[in-house]
Each structure stands twice: as structure tokens, then as C-alpha cells.
Amino acid sequence: MSFTAFTRYLRLATEQISSYEGPWPEEQRGEYESGLVNINGERWRIRTARVTPTKPGAFVAVWKRDESGETRPFAREEAETGLLLFVEDGDRFGVFRFGAAHLEELGISSSATKPGKRGFRVYPSWCTELNPQASRTQAAQSRAFAALA
């Protein structure tokens, strides 16, 4: 797997990255470029979200298979440092740096009080004219987002 979005991130975020190892593919590596990477001594999950033609924002799947073969959301303690989620939309490119606590707060990782999600939409800052729910989601995600190109 080539991890093209991660490679682009490395080129654009040189001031933030002093060292890295990986990425290493995860089971769910298909179209979302799923992997693990160590950056500056911290272990991150990485994914590339896919822009969809009928809805604003981008969609990403984030799950693992349990012992019985069923897919399930990652638990908070399995979130590593967090999730680096890359979004490419034409000439635009950005990254969401969701820390483990932020993933739990958003209900993405499972916890004692929330079931978690296997997939979700992200709304980069360049997404406009959103419906009220998407606007609330964008606001909740905004502190994690950085537009890089």
C-alpha cells in the first residue's frame, strides 16, 4: 500500500514532524489507507477519508474485527494517541488530528457510556452551506482540523 495521503502530509507538515516510523497497514486498509504510524514517538492510527458526490464533507470507516469476525468500533484504550485523518478534495488537502479523548468526546471510540462508530463524516473548514446537524458536527471537529493546501 502506498499511503499517498500520508506521504503528502509528510511533505507539507515538515515543521511538525521530527521523526516517524511506518506506516504499517492495518486489516481495514482498502480504500481508506488504514494504517499505524509512529510520529515524534507517538503511535497514531491513520486513515484517508473519501469525498462523496452527493453529500458535503468526507466519509471514513474506522473499525476493527473482533474474535468472532464481526466489525466493531475501536475502544478508547485502542485509539493509540489518536487518529490522523486526511482529506483530499481537488486541490484542497487537510488533516484532522483527533486525540483519543476527542474521539471519545465525539462518540467515535466506544466507552462505558457510548457504543462508538464504525464510520463517520468529517467536515473540513472549506465545507460551507451545511445543514444544521452537519454544522454542529463541523464545529465539534474544528479544533482538530488543519488545512495544509
N, C-alpha and C. Protein backbone atom coordinates (compact mmCIF):
# COMPACT_ATOMS: atom_id res chain seq x y z
N MET A 1 0.84 -1.17 0.00
CA MET A 1 0.00 0.00 0.00
C MET A 1 0.89 1.24 0.00
N SER A 2 0.48 2.25 -0.75
CA SER A 2 1.33 3.42 -0.94
C SER A 2 1.12 4.53 0.09
N PHE A 3 -0.01 4.61 0.74
CA PHE A 3 -0.29 5.66 1.72
C PHE A 3 0.00 7.05 1.13
N THR A 4 -0.63 7.35 0.00
CA THR A 4 -0.36 8.59 -0.72
C THR A 4 -0.70 9.84 0.10
N ALA A 5 -1.80 9.81 0.84
CA ALA A 5 -2.18 10.99 1.64
C ALA A 5 -1.17 11.21 2.76
N PHE A 6 -0.71 10.14 3.40
CA PHE A 6 0.29 10.29 4.46
C PHE A 6 1.59 10.85 3.88
N THR A 7 1.98 10.38 2.71
CA THR A 7 3.19 10.89 2.06
C THR A 7 3.06 12.39 1.78
N ARG A 8 1.90 12.80 1.31
CA ARG A 8 1.66 14.23 1.08
C ARG A 8 1.72 15.01 2.39
N TYR A 9 1.15 14.46 3.44
CA TYR A 9 1.19 15.08 4.76
C TYR A 9 2.64 15.28 5.21
N LEU A 10 3.48 14.28 5.02
CA LEU A 10 4.89 14.40 5.40
C LEU A 10 5.56 15.57 4.69
N ARG A 11 5.25 15.76 3.41
CA ARG A 11 5.84 16.86 2.64
C ARG A 11 5.37 18.22 3.12
N LEU A 12 4.10 18.31 3.55
CA LEU A 12 3.51 19.59 3.91
C LEU A 12 3.67 19.97 5.38
N ALA A 13 3.89 19.00 6.24
CA ALA A 13 3.94 19.25 7.69
C ALA A 13 5.34 19.05 8.26
N THR A 14 6.35 19.42 7.51
CA THR A 14 7.73 19.15 7.92
C THR A 14 8.10 19.80 9.26
N GLU A 15 7.52 20.94 9.58
CA GLU A 15 7.84 21.61 10.84
C GLU A 15 7.28 20.88 12.05
N GLN A 16 6.24 20.07 11.86
CA GLN A 16 5.59 19.37 12.97
C GLN A 16 6.15 17.97 13.19
N ILE A 17 6.93 17.46 12.24
CA ILE A 17 7.38 16.08 12.30
C ILE A 17 8.90 16.03 12.36
N SER A 18 9.44 15.61 13.51
CA SER A 18 10.89 15.47 13.61
C SER A 18 11.33 14.04 13.31
N SER A 19 10.46 13.07 13.56
CA SER A 19 10.79 11.68 13.24
C SER A 19 9.50 10.89 13.03
N TYR A 20 9.61 9.84 12.22
CA TYR A 20 8.46 8.94 12.05
C TYR A 20 8.94 7.56 11.66
N GLU A 21 8.12 6.57 11.96
CA GLU A 21 8.33 5.18 11.55
C GLU A 21 7.02 4.68 10.98
N GLY A 22 7.08 3.90 9.92
CA GLY A 22 5.89 3.37 9.28
C GLY A 22 5.55 4.19 8.07
N PRO A 23 4.35 4.11 7.63
CA PRO A 23 3.18 3.45 8.22
C PRO A 23 3.16 1.95 7.95
N TRP A 24 2.42 1.27 8.82
CA TRP A 24 2.19 -0.16 8.69
C TRP A 24 0.71 -0.37 8.42
N PRO A 25 0.36 -1.15 7.40
CA PRO A 25 -1.06 -1.36 7.07
C PRO A 25 -1.81 -2.09 8.17
N GLU A 26 -3.07 -1.70 8.34
CA GLU A 26 -3.98 -2.41 9.22
C GLU A 26 -4.89 -3.29 8.37
N GLU A 27 -5.63 -4.16 9.03
CA GLU A 27 -6.54 -5.08 8.34
C GLU A 27 -7.48 -4.34 7.39
N GLN A 28 -8.05 -3.25 7.84
CA GLN A 28 -9.03 -2.50 7.07
C GLN A 28 -8.32 -1.46 6.21
N ARG A 29 -7.37 -1.89 5.40
CA ARG A 29 -6.51 -0.93 4.72
C ARG A 29 -7.03 -0.48 3.38
N GLY A 30 -7.97 -1.12 2.75
CA GLY A 30 -8.52 -0.83 1.44
C GLY A 30 -8.51 0.62 1.02
N GLU A 31 -9.67 1.14 0.68
CA GLU A 31 -9.75 2.48 0.11
C GLU A 31 -9.50 3.59 1.12
N TYR A 32 -9.44 3.28 2.39
CA TYR A 32 -9.22 4.32 3.41
C TYR A 32 -7.76 4.42 3.84
N GLU A 33 -6.86 3.72 3.18
CA GLU A 33 -5.42 3.76 3.51
C GLU A 33 -5.20 3.62 5.02
N SER A 34 -5.74 2.57 5.59
CA SER A 34 -5.70 2.35 7.04
C SER A 34 -4.33 1.86 7.49
N GLY A 35 -3.78 2.50 8.50
CA GLY A 35 -2.50 2.06 9.00
C GLY A 35 -2.19 2.62 10.37
N LEU A 36 -1.02 2.27 10.84
CA LEU A 36 -0.46 2.77 12.09
C LEU A 36 0.88 3.42 11.76
N VAL A 37 1.21 4.48 12.48
CA VAL A 37 2.47 5.18 12.26
C VAL A 37 2.94 5.76 13.59
N ASN A 38 4.24 5.79 13.78
CA ASN A 38 4.82 6.48 14.93
C ASN A 38 5.35 7.83 14.46
N ILE A 39 4.87 8.90 15.06
CA ILE A 39 5.31 10.25 14.72
C ILE A 39 5.79 10.92 16.00
N ASN A 40 7.04 11.37 15.97
CA ASN A 40 7.63 12.04 17.14
C ASN A 40 7.44 11.20 18.41
N GLY A 41 7.57 9.90 18.27
CA GLY A 41 7.48 8.99 19.41
C GLY A 41 6.07 8.63 19.85
N GLU A 42 5.05 9.11 19.13
CA GLU A 42 3.66 8.78 19.46
C GLU A 42 3.06 7.91 18.37
N ARG A 43 2.27 6.93 18.78
CA ARG A 43 1.65 6.00 17.83
C ARG A 43 0.25 6.49 17.45
N TRP A 44 0.02 6.67 16.15
CA TRP A 44 -1.25 7.17 15.62
C TRP A 44 -1.85 6.17 14.66
N ARG A 45 -3.17 6.09 14.65
CA ARG A 45 -3.88 5.42 13.56
C ARG A 45 -4.01 6.45 12.45
N ILE A 46 -3.94 6.00 11.20
CA ILE A 46 -4.13 6.91 10.08
C ILE A 46 -5.20 6.36 9.15
N ARG A 47 -5.96 7.29 8.55
CA ARG A 47 -6.99 6.96 7.57
C ARG A 47 -7.05 8.10 6.56
N THR A 48 -7.56 7.79 5.38
CA THR A 48 -7.85 8.81 4.38
C THR A 48 -9.34 8.78 4.13
N ALA A 49 -10.01 9.90 4.39
CA ALA A 49 -11.46 9.99 4.18
C ALA A 49 -11.74 10.14 2.68
N ARG A 50 -12.92 9.72 2.27
CA ARG A 50 -13.33 9.79 0.87
C ARG A 50 -14.45 10.82 0.70
N VAL A 51 -14.21 11.76 -0.21
CA VAL A 51 -15.23 12.74 -0.55
C VAL A 51 -16.31 12.01 -1.34
N THR A 52 -17.56 12.25 -0.99
CA THR A 52 -18.68 11.60 -1.67
C THR A 52 -19.41 12.62 -2.53
N PRO A 53 -19.93 12.19 -3.68
CA PRO A 53 -20.52 13.14 -4.62
C PRO A 53 -21.86 13.73 -4.20
N THR A 54 -22.60 13.06 -3.32
CA THR A 54 -23.96 13.51 -3.01
C THR A 54 -24.10 14.26 -1.69
N LYS A 55 -23.09 14.22 -0.83
CA LYS A 55 -23.16 14.89 0.46
C LYS A 55 -21.89 15.70 0.68
N PRO A 56 -22.00 16.80 1.43
CA PRO A 56 -20.78 17.56 1.74
C PRO A 56 -19.90 16.78 2.70
N GLY A 57 -18.64 17.19 2.78
CA GLY A 57 -17.72 16.53 3.67
C GLY A 57 -17.16 15.26 3.07
N ALA A 58 -16.62 14.42 3.93
CA ALA A 58 -16.00 13.17 3.50
C ALA A 58 -16.33 12.09 4.52
N PHE A 59 -16.30 10.84 4.07
CA PHE A 59 -16.64 9.70 4.93
C PHE A 59 -15.41 8.85 5.17
N VAL A 60 -15.32 8.28 6.36
CA VAL A 60 -14.23 7.36 6.68
C VAL A 60 -14.77 6.22 7.54
N ALA A 61 -14.21 5.05 7.34
CA ALA A 61 -14.52 3.88 8.18
C ALA A 61 -13.37 3.68 9.16
N VAL A 62 -13.71 3.45 10.42
CA VAL A 62 -12.72 3.23 11.47
C VAL A 62 -13.23 2.11 12.35
N TRP A 63 -12.74 0.89 12.13
CA TRP A 63 -13.23 -0.25 12.89
C TRP A 63 -12.14 -1.30 12.99
N LYS A 64 -12.42 -2.32 13.78
CA LYS A 64 -11.55 -3.50 13.84
C LYS A 64 -12.44 -4.73 13.91
N ARG A 65 -11.88 -5.87 13.60
CA ARG A 65 -12.61 -7.14 13.70
C ARG A 65 -12.36 -7.77 15.06
N ASP A 66 -13.44 -8.24 15.68
CA ASP A 66 -13.28 -8.93 16.96
C ASP A 66 -12.99 -10.41 16.71
N GLU A 67 -12.90 -11.17 17.77
CA GLU A 67 -12.53 -12.58 17.68
C GLU A 67 -13.53 -13.40 16.86
N SER A 68 -14.79 -12.98 16.83
CA SER A 68 -15.81 -13.72 16.08
C SER A 68 -15.90 -13.27 14.62
N GLY A 69 -15.07 -12.30 14.22
CA GLY A 69 -15.07 -11.84 12.84
C GLY A 69 -15.98 -10.66 12.58
N GLU A 70 -16.70 -10.19 13.60
CA GLU A 70 -17.59 -9.04 13.45
C GLU A 70 -16.78 -7.74 13.52
N THR A 71 -17.24 -6.73 12.80
CA THR A 71 -16.59 -5.43 12.91
C THR A 71 -17.17 -4.68 14.11
N ARG A 72 -16.32 -3.88 14.75
CA ARG A 72 -16.74 -3.09 15.89
C ARG A 72 -15.89 -1.83 15.96
N PRO A 73 -16.40 -0.79 16.60
CA PRO A 73 -15.61 0.43 16.78
C PRO A 73 -14.41 0.17 17.69
N PHE A 74 -13.39 0.98 17.55
CA PHE A 74 -12.27 0.91 18.47
C PHE A 74 -12.71 1.43 19.83
N ALA A 75 -12.21 0.79 20.86
CA ALA A 75 -12.44 1.28 22.23
C ALA A 75 -11.44 2.41 22.50
N ARG A 76 -11.76 3.25 23.47
CA ARG A 76 -10.88 4.38 23.78
C ARG A 76 -9.45 3.93 24.01
N GLU A 77 -9.26 2.85 24.74
CA GLU A 77 -7.90 2.38 25.05
C GLU A 77 -7.19 1.81 23.83
N GLU A 78 -7.90 1.57 22.74
CA GLU A 78 -7.28 1.08 21.50
C GLU A 78 -7.02 2.22 20.51
N ALA A 79 -7.32 3.42 20.91
CA ALA A 79 -7.23 4.57 20.00
C ALA A 79 -5.80 5.05 19.79
N GLU A 80 -4.81 4.43 20.47
CA GLU A 80 -3.44 4.90 20.39
C GLU A 80 -3.41 6.36 20.86
N THR A 81 -2.52 7.18 20.31
CA THR A 81 -2.52 8.60 20.64
C THR A 81 -3.77 9.25 20.08
N GLY A 82 -4.19 8.75 18.93
CA GLY A 82 -5.38 9.28 18.28
C GLY A 82 -5.43 8.86 16.83
N LEU A 83 -6.15 9.64 16.04
CA LEU A 83 -6.39 9.34 14.63
C LEU A 83 -6.00 10.54 13.78
N LEU A 84 -5.09 10.31 12.83
CA LEU A 84 -4.78 11.31 11.81
C LEU A 84 -5.64 10.96 10.61
N LEU A 85 -6.50 11.87 10.24
CA LEU A 85 -7.47 11.62 9.18
C LEU A 85 -7.26 12.64 8.07
N PHE A 86 -6.84 12.16 6.91
CA PHE A 86 -6.51 13.03 5.79
C PHE A 86 -7.71 13.19 4.87
N VAL A 87 -7.89 14.41 4.35
CA VAL A 87 -8.98 14.70 3.42
C VAL A 87 -8.39 15.42 2.21
N GLU A 88 -8.66 14.87 1.04
CA GLU A 88 -8.26 15.50 -0.22
C GLU A 88 -9.52 15.78 -1.02
N ASP A 89 -9.66 17.02 -1.46
CA ASP A 89 -10.83 17.42 -2.24
C ASP A 89 -10.35 18.37 -3.34
N GLY A 90 -10.08 17.82 -4.52
CA GLY A 90 -9.50 18.61 -5.58
C GLY A 90 -8.11 19.07 -5.17
N ASP A 91 -7.86 20.38 -5.22
CA ASP A 91 -6.57 20.93 -4.82
C ASP A 91 -6.45 21.10 -3.31
N ARG A 92 -7.52 20.92 -2.59
CA ARG A 92 -7.51 21.10 -1.13
C ARG A 92 -7.02 19.84 -0.44
N PHE A 93 -6.28 20.05 0.64
CA PHE A 93 -5.77 18.93 1.42
C PHE A 93 -5.67 19.38 2.87
N GLY A 94 -6.13 18.54 3.77
CA GLY A 94 -6.06 18.86 5.19
C GLY A 94 -6.00 17.61 6.04
N VAL A 95 -5.79 17.82 7.32
CA VAL A 95 -5.70 16.71 8.26
C VAL A 95 -6.51 17.05 9.52
N PHE A 96 -7.24 16.06 9.99
CA PHE A 96 -7.85 16.11 11.31
C PHE A 96 -6.92 15.34 12.24
N ARG A 97 -6.49 15.96 13.33
CA ARG A 97 -5.66 15.30 14.34
C ARG A 97 -6.54 15.09 15.57
N PHE A 98 -7.30 14.00 15.54
CA PHE A 98 -8.20 13.68 16.65
C PHE A 98 -7.42 12.95 17.73
N GLY A 99 -7.27 13.54 18.90
CA GLY A 99 -6.67 12.84 20.02
C GLY A 99 -7.66 11.80 20.57
N ALA A 100 -7.17 10.86 21.36
CA ALA A 100 -8.03 9.80 21.90
C ALA A 100 -9.20 10.37 22.70
N ALA A 101 -8.96 11.40 23.50
CA ALA A 101 -10.04 11.99 24.30
C ALA A 101 -11.08 12.66 23.40
N HIS A 102 -10.64 13.31 22.32
CA HIS A 102 -11.57 13.96 21.40
C HIS A 102 -12.42 12.91 20.67
N LEU A 103 -11.80 11.79 20.29
CA LEU A 103 -12.57 10.70 19.65
C LEU A 103 -13.65 10.18 20.59
N GLU A 104 -13.33 10.06 21.87
CA GLU A 104 -14.32 9.61 22.84
C GLU A 104 -15.42 10.67 23.01
N GLU A 105 -15.03 11.93 23.10
CA GLU A 105 -15.99 13.02 23.25
C GLU A 105 -16.97 13.07 22.07
N LEU A 106 -16.48 12.80 20.87
CA LEU A 106 -17.32 12.81 19.67
C LEU A 106 -18.16 11.54 19.52
N GLY A 107 -17.91 10.55 20.39
CA GLY A 107 -18.67 9.30 20.31
C GLY A 107 -18.16 8.36 19.24
N ILE A 108 -16.94 8.56 18.76
CA ILE A 108 -16.38 7.72 17.71
C ILE A 108 -15.77 6.45 18.30
N SER A 109 -14.97 6.60 19.36
CA SER A 109 -14.46 5.41 20.03
C SER A 109 -15.50 4.97 21.07
N SER A 110 -15.55 3.68 21.31
CA SER A 110 -16.53 3.17 22.27
C SER A 110 -16.01 3.36 23.69
N SER A 111 -16.95 3.51 24.61
CA SER A 111 -16.62 3.68 26.02
C SER A 111 -17.73 3.03 26.84
N ALA A 112 -17.66 3.17 28.14
CA ALA A 112 -18.69 2.60 29.00
C ALA A 112 -20.05 3.24 28.74
N THR A 113 -20.06 4.47 28.25
CA THR A 113 -21.33 5.18 28.06
C THR A 113 -21.74 5.36 26.60
N LYS A 114 -20.83 5.09 25.65
CA LYS A 114 -21.14 5.28 24.23
C LYS A 114 -20.71 4.06 23.42
N PRO A 115 -21.55 3.64 22.45
CA PRO A 115 -21.22 2.44 21.68
C PRO A 115 -20.11 2.65 20.65
N GLY A 116 -19.82 3.89 20.28
CA GLY A 116 -18.81 4.16 19.26
C GLY A 116 -19.38 4.04 17.86
N LYS A 117 -18.54 4.35 16.88
CA LYS A 117 -18.97 4.34 15.48
C LYS A 117 -17.96 3.59 14.63
N ARG A 118 -18.46 2.89 13.62
CA ARG A 118 -17.60 2.19 12.66
C ARG A 118 -17.19 3.10 11.51
N GLY A 119 -17.93 4.17 11.32
CA GLY A 119 -17.65 5.13 10.27
C GLY A 119 -18.33 6.45 10.60
N PHE A 120 -17.82 7.53 10.03
CA PHE A 120 -18.41 8.84 10.30
C PHE A 120 -17.99 9.82 9.21
N ARG A 121 -18.69 10.95 9.18
CA ARG A 121 -18.38 12.02 8.23
C ARG A 121 -17.54 13.09 8.92
N VAL A 122 -16.66 13.69 8.15
CA VAL A 122 -15.90 14.85 8.62
C VAL A 122 -16.19 16.02 7.69
N TYR A 123 -16.10 17.20 8.27
CA TYR A 123 -16.41 18.43 7.53
C TYR A 123 -15.25 19.41 7.67
N PRO A 124 -14.33 19.41 6.70
CA PRO A 124 -13.22 20.37 6.74
C PRO A 124 -13.75 21.80 6.71
N SER A 125 -12.90 22.74 7.05
CA SER A 125 -13.30 24.15 7.12
C SER A 125 -13.78 24.68 5.78
N TRP A 126 -13.38 24.08 4.68
CA TRP A 126 -13.82 24.57 3.36
C TRP A 126 -15.25 24.13 3.01
N CYS A 127 -15.85 23.27 3.82
CA CYS A 127 -17.25 22.87 3.59
C CYS A 127 -18.17 23.98 4.10
N THR A 128 -19.03 24.47 3.23
CA THR A 128 -19.96 25.54 3.59
C THR A 128 -21.37 25.12 3.24
N GLU A 129 -22.33 25.94 3.61
CA GLU A 129 -23.75 25.68 3.33
C GLU A 129 -24.18 24.30 3.81
N LEU A 130 -23.82 24.00 5.06
CA LEU A 130 -24.16 22.73 5.67
C LEU A 130 -25.52 22.81 6.35
N ASN A 131 -26.18 21.66 6.48
CA ASN A 131 -27.43 21.63 7.24
C ASN A 131 -27.08 21.80 8.73
N PRO A 132 -28.07 22.05 9.57
CA PRO A 132 -27.78 22.32 10.99
C PRO A 132 -26.99 21.20 11.69
N GLN A 133 -27.33 19.94 11.44
CA GLN A 133 -26.60 18.84 12.09
C GLN A 133 -25.15 18.80 11.62
N ALA A 134 -24.92 18.94 10.32
CA ALA A 134 -23.56 18.94 9.79
C ALA A 134 -22.77 20.13 10.33
N SER A 135 -23.42 21.27 10.49
CA SER A 135 -22.75 22.46 11.05
C SER A 135 -22.31 22.21 12.49
N ARG A 136 -23.16 21.55 13.28
CA ARG A 136 -22.79 21.22 14.67
C ARG A 136 -21.61 20.24 14.69
N THR A 137 -21.66 19.26 13.79
CA THR A 137 -20.57 18.29 13.72
C THR A 137 -19.27 18.98 13.31
N GLN A 138 -19.34 19.86 12.31
CA GLN A 138 -18.16 20.59 11.87
C GLN A 138 -17.58 21.41 13.03
N ALA A 139 -18.43 22.07 13.79
CA ALA A 139 -17.96 22.87 14.93
C ALA A 139 -17.27 21.98 15.97
N ALA A 140 -17.82 20.80 16.23
CA ALA A 140 -17.23 19.89 17.20
C ALA A 140 -15.89 19.33 16.72
N GLN A 141 -15.72 19.21 15.41
CA GLN A 141 -14.49 18.67 14.84
C GLN A 141 -13.44 19.75 14.56
N SER A 142 -13.83 21.00 14.55
CA SER A 142 -12.98 22.07 14.01
C SER A 142 -11.63 22.22 14.71
N ARG A 143 -11.57 22.00 16.02
CA ARG A 143 -10.29 22.18 16.71
C ARG A 143 -9.25 21.15 16.29
N ALA A 144 -9.68 20.06 15.66
CA ALA A 144 -8.75 19.03 15.21
C ALA A 144 -8.25 19.26 13.79
N PHE A 145 -8.86 20.19 13.05
CA PHE A 145 -8.57 20.31 11.62
C PHE A 145 -7.52 21.37 11.30
N ALA A 146 -6.66 21.03 10.34
CA ALA A 146 -5.69 21.98 9.78
C ALA A 146 -5.69 21.83 8.27
N ALA A 147 -5.95 22.92 7.57
CA ALA A 147 -5.86 22.92 6.10
C ALA A 147 -4.39 23.09 5.74
N LEU A 148 -3.87 22.20 4.91
CA LEU A 148 -2.45 22.24 4.55
C LEU A 148 -2.21 22.68 3.11
N ALA A 149 -3.22 22.58 2.27
CA ALA A 149 -3.09 23.00 0.86
C ALA A 149 -4.47 23.33 0.32
